[in-house]
């Protein structure tokens, strides 16, 4: 009877097979962290948590929040550009975020700088993480 190289390989034990299966089962599923995926989760969050039905406004707000998540602060013009809106619609969106307690602003040399509040960071962490 001849042996092949495959016969010399150790066969996995049941314990090894089970431990590998458990490791795969318990491995955390990391949700997509691309900007588009996070923006989609923010859009859904704005729809449910803040009853925003207008998809254009939700998209604008989501893009503004994405910008503030990536940067510690942004001036008003930068937020308007991030939201893809002009000054009038941007001002409304910024007031809306501030009214919900998500952003705060400080004025330095006649320029308004906006940043996320601590409460917003706490509320947005599970949304961004995909929890």
C-alpha atoms as a PDB file:
ATOM      1  CA  UNK A   1       0.000   0.000   0.000  1.00  0.00           C
ATOM      2  CA  UNK A   2       1.494   3.339  -1.019  1.00  0.00           C
ATOM      3  CA  UNK A   3       1.047   6.568   0.896  1.00  0.00           C
ATOM      4  CA  UNK A   4       0.520   9.966  -0.640  1.00  0.00           C
ATOM      5  CA  UNK A   5       1.761  13.273   0.772  1.00  0.00           C
ATOM      6  CA  UNK A   6      -1.833  14.118   1.704  1.00  0.00           C
ATOM      7  CA  UNK A   7      -1.915  11.098   4.041  1.00  0.00           C
ATOM      8  CA  UNK A   8       0.994  12.549   6.014  1.00  0.00           C
ATOM      9  CA  UNK A   9      -0.803  15.829   6.761  1.00  0.00           C
ATOM     10  CA  UNK A  10      -2.315  16.049  10.217  1.00  0.00           C
ATOM     11  CA  UNK A  11      -6.092  16.010  10.219  1.00  0.00           C
ATOM     12  CA  UNK A  12      -7.783  18.688  12.301  1.00  0.00           C
ATOM     13  CA  UNK A  13      -9.361  17.487  15.492  1.00  0.00           C
ATOM     14  CA  UNK A  14     -12.958  18.161  16.340  1.00  0.00           C
ATOM     15  CA  UNK A  15     -11.820  20.626  18.991  1.00  0.00           C
ATOM     16  CA  UNK A  16      -9.781  22.558  16.416  1.00  0.00           C
ATOM     17  CA  UNK A  17     -12.675  22.641  13.975  1.00  0.00           C
ATOM     18  CA  UNK A  18     -15.081  23.785  16.680  1.00  0.00           C
ATOM     19  CA  UNK A  19     -12.747  26.496  17.981  1.00  0.00           C
ATOM     20  CA  UNK A  20     -12.263  27.842  14.444  1.00  0.00           C
ATOM     21  CA  UNK A  21     -16.019  27.891  13.888  1.00  0.00           C
ATOM     22  CA  UNK A  22     -16.573  29.728  17.179  1.00  0.00           C
ATOM     23  CA  UNK A  23     -13.856  32.253  16.313  1.00  0.00           C
ATOM     24  CA  UNK A  24     -15.566  32.981  12.980  1.00  0.00           C
ATOM     25  CA  UNK A  25     -18.960  33.172  14.648  1.00  0.00           C
ATOM     26  CA  UNK A  26     -17.803  35.573  17.370  1.00  0.00           C
ATOM     27  CA  UNK A  27     -15.715  37.792  15.112  1.00  0.00           C
ATOM     28  CA  UNK A  28     -17.264  41.241  15.150  1.00  0.00           C
ATOM     29  CA  UNK A  29     -18.867  42.360  11.937  1.00  0.00           C
ATOM     30  CA  UNK A  30     -17.406  45.743  11.094  1.00  0.00           C
ATOM     31  CA  UNK A  31     -19.921  47.850   9.196  1.00  0.00           C
ATOM     32  CA  UNK A  32     -18.837  49.780   6.130  1.00  0.00           C
ATOM     33  CA  UNK A  33     -17.076  52.974   7.252  1.00  0.00           C
ATOM     34  CA  UNK A  34     -16.897  54.672   3.869  1.00  0.00           C
ATOM     35  CA  UNK A  35     -18.223  58.220   3.717  1.00  0.00           C
ATOM     36  CA  UNK A  36     -21.173  57.096   1.584  1.00  0.00           C
ATOM     37  CA  UNK A  37     -22.170  54.369   4.054  1.00  0.00           C
ATOM     38  CA  UNK A  38     -21.870  56.698   7.053  1.00  0.00           C
ATOM     39  CA  UNK A  39     -23.862  59.359   5.173  1.00  0.00           C
ATOM     40  CA  UNK A  40     -26.601  56.796   4.513  1.00  0.00           C
ATOM     41  CA  UNK A  41     -26.725  55.910   8.223  1.00  0.00           C
ATOM     42  CA  UNK A  42     -26.833  59.624   9.134  1.00  0.00           C
ATOM     43  CA  UNK A  43     -29.650  60.112   6.626  1.00  0.00           C
ATOM     44  CA  UNK A  44     -31.637  57.308   8.251  1.00  0.00           C
ATOM     45  CA  UNK A  45     -30.897  58.699  11.717  1.00  0.00           C
ATOM     46  CA  UNK A  46     -32.096  62.176  10.694  1.00  0.00           C
ATOM     47  CA  UNK A  47     -35.267  60.622   9.288  1.00  0.00           C
ATOM     48  CA  UNK A  48     -36.105  58.720  12.468  1.00  0.00           C
ATOM     49  CA  UNK A  49     -34.605  60.775  15.295  1.00  0.00           C
ATOM     50  CA  UNK A  50     -35.523  64.203  13.918  1.00  0.00           C
ATOM     51  CA  UNK A  51     -38.478  63.369  11.642  1.00  0.00           C
ATOM     52  CA  UNK A  52     -36.851  64.911   8.576  1.00  0.00           C
ATOM     53  CA  UNK A  53     -38.900  63.801   5.578  1.00  0.00           C
ATOM     54  CA  UNK A  54     -37.301  66.050   2.966  1.00  0.00           C
ATOM     55  CA  UNK A  55     -34.528  64.013   1.341  1.00  0.00           C
ATOM     56  CA  UNK A  56     -32.657  67.083   0.066  1.00  0.00           C
ATOM     57  CA  UNK A  57     -32.552  68.636   3.518  1.00  0.00           C
ATOM     58  CA  UNK A  58     -31.520  65.307   5.083  1.00  0.00           C
ATOM     59  CA  UNK A  59     -28.699  64.987   2.577  1.00  0.00           C
ATOM     60  CA  UNK A  60     -27.538  68.540   3.309  1.00  0.00           C
ATOM     61  CA  UNK A  61     -27.632  67.961   7.075  1.00  0.00           C
ATOM     62  CA  UNK A  62     -25.896  64.589   6.755  1.00  0.00           C
ATOM     63  CA  UNK A  63     -23.080  66.120   4.688  1.00  0.00           C
ATOM     64  CA  UNK A  64     -22.662  68.936   7.228  1.00  0.00           C
ATOM     65  CA  UNK A  65     -22.527  66.423  10.067  1.00  0.00           C
ATOM     66  CA  UNK A  66     -20.014  64.309   8.138  1.00  0.00           C
ATOM     67  CA  UNK A  67     -17.790  67.353   7.740  1.00  0.00           C
ATOM     68  CA  UNK A  68     -18.015  68.142  11.464  1.00  0.00           C
ATOM     69  CA  UNK A  69     -17.300  64.512  12.347  1.00  0.00           C
ATOM     70  CA  UNK A  70     -14.073  64.669  10.357  1.00  0.00           C
ATOM     71  CA  UNK A  71     -13.013  68.167  11.465  1.00  0.00           C
ATOM     72  CA  UNK A  72     -13.166  69.642  14.961  1.00  0.00           C
ATOM     73  CA  UNK A  73     -14.829  72.814  13.671  1.00  0.00           C
ATOM     74  CA  UNK A  74     -15.839  74.562  10.483  1.00  0.00           C
ATOM     75  CA  UNK A  75     -16.812  78.086   9.556  1.00  0.00           C
ATOM     76  CA  UNK A  76     -20.269  78.808   8.208  1.00  0.00           C
ATOM     77  CA  UNK A  77     -19.199  79.066   4.560  1.00  0.00           C
ATOM     78  CA  UNK A  78     -17.422  75.704   4.770  1.00  0.00           C
ATOM     79  CA  UNK A  79     -20.529  74.054   6.198  1.00  0.00           C
ATOM     80  CA  UNK A  80     -22.674  75.547   3.442  1.00  0.00           C
ATOM     81  CA  UNK A  81     -20.248  74.176   0.847  1.00  0.00           C
ATOM     82  CA  UNK A  82     -20.155  70.767   2.571  1.00  0.00           C
ATOM     83  CA  UNK A  83     -23.948  70.632   2.477  1.00  0.00           C
ATOM     84  CA  UNK A  84     -23.979  71.657  -1.163  1.00  0.00           C
ATOM     85  CA  UNK A  85     -26.323  74.576  -0.554  1.00  0.00           C
ATOM     86  CA  UNK A  86     -26.227  78.324  -0.790  1.00  0.00           C
ATOM     87  CA  UNK A  87     -26.088  80.811   2.070  1.00  0.00           C
ATOM     88  CA  UNK A  88     -29.833  80.992   2.654  1.00  0.00           C
ATOM     89  CA  UNK A  89     -30.512  77.239   2.779  1.00  0.00           C
ATOM     90  CA  UNK A  90     -27.224  76.685   4.588  1.00  0.00           C
ATOM     91  CA  UNK A  91     -28.151  79.178   7.288  1.00  0.00           C
ATOM     92  CA  UNK A  92     -31.456  77.357   7.810  1.00  0.00           C
ATOM     93  CA  UNK A  93     -29.665  74.018   8.055  1.00  0.00           C
ATOM     94  CA  UNK A  94     -27.090  75.369  10.514  1.00  0.00           C
ATOM     95  CA  UNK A  95     -29.867  76.850  12.683  1.00  0.00           C
ATOM     96  CA  UNK A  96     -31.677  73.514  12.573  1.00  0.00           C
ATOM     97  CA  UNK A  97     -28.592  71.627  13.791  1.00  0.00           C
ATOM     98  CA  UNK A  98     -28.052  74.185  16.550  1.00  0.00           C
ATOM     99  CA  UNK A  99     -31.734  74.062  17.521  1.00  0.00           C
ATOM    100  CA  UNK A 100     -31.507  70.303  18.010  1.00  0.00           C
ATOM    101  CA  UNK A 101     -28.487  70.811  20.240  1.00  0.00           C
ATOM    102  CA  UNK A 102     -26.141  69.072  17.798  1.00  0.00           C
ATOM    103  CA  UNK A 103     -23.896  72.047  17.118  1.00  0.00           C
ATOM    104  CA  UNK A 104     -22.661  75.100  18.900  1.00  0.00           C
ATOM    105  CA  UNK A 105     -20.785  78.065  17.534  1.00  0.00           C
ATOM    106  CA  UNK A 106     -18.232  80.642  18.567  1.00  0.00           C
ATOM    107  CA  UNK A 107     -17.387  83.883  16.842  1.00  0.00           C
ATOM    108  CA  UNK A 108     -13.775  84.813  16.224  1.00  0.00           C
ATOM    109  CA  UNK A 109     -12.948  87.909  14.209  1.00  0.00           C
ATOM    110  CA  UNK A 110     -16.517  88.154  12.881  1.00  0.00           C
ATOM    111  CA  UNK A 111     -16.470  84.566  11.585  1.00  0.00           C
ATOM    112  CA  UNK A 112     -18.795  81.943  13.074  1.00  0.00           C
ATOM    113  CA  UNK A 113     -17.119  78.586  13.746  1.00  0.00           C
ATOM    114  CA  UNK A 114     -19.373  75.595  14.347  1.00  0.00           C
ATOM    115  CA  UNK A 115     -18.580  72.394  16.185  1.00  0.00           C
ATOM    116  CA  UNK A 116     -20.455  69.352  17.415  1.00  0.00           C
ATOM    117  CA  UNK A 117     -21.665  69.387  20.997  1.00  0.00           C
ATOM    118  CA  UNK A 118     -20.712  66.623  23.395  1.00  0.00           C
ATOM    119  CA  UNK A 119     -24.287  65.361  23.287  1.00  0.00           C
ATOM    120  CA  UNK A 120     -24.117  65.210  19.477  1.00  0.00           C
ATOM    121  CA  UNK A 121     -20.852  63.279  19.583  1.00  0.00           C
ATOM    122  CA  UNK A 122     -22.401  60.815  22.025  1.00  0.00           C
ATOM    123  CA  UNK A 123     -25.542  60.458  19.903  1.00  0.00           C
ATOM    124  CA  UNK A 124     -23.659  60.131  16.614  1.00  0.00           C
ATOM    125  CA  UNK A 125     -21.061  57.585  17.737  1.00  0.00           C
ATOM    126  CA  UNK A 126     -23.420  54.577  17.451  1.00  0.00           C
ATOM    127  CA  UNK A 127     -24.725  55.895  14.115  1.00  0.00           C
ATOM    128  CA  UNK A 128     -21.236  56.248  12.658  1.00  0.00           C
ATOM    129  CA  UNK A 129     -20.069  52.948  14.134  1.00  0.00           C
ATOM    130  CA  UNK A 130     -23.117  51.220  12.680  1.00  0.00           C
ATOM    131  CA  UNK A 131     -24.367  49.901  15.994  1.00  0.00           C
END
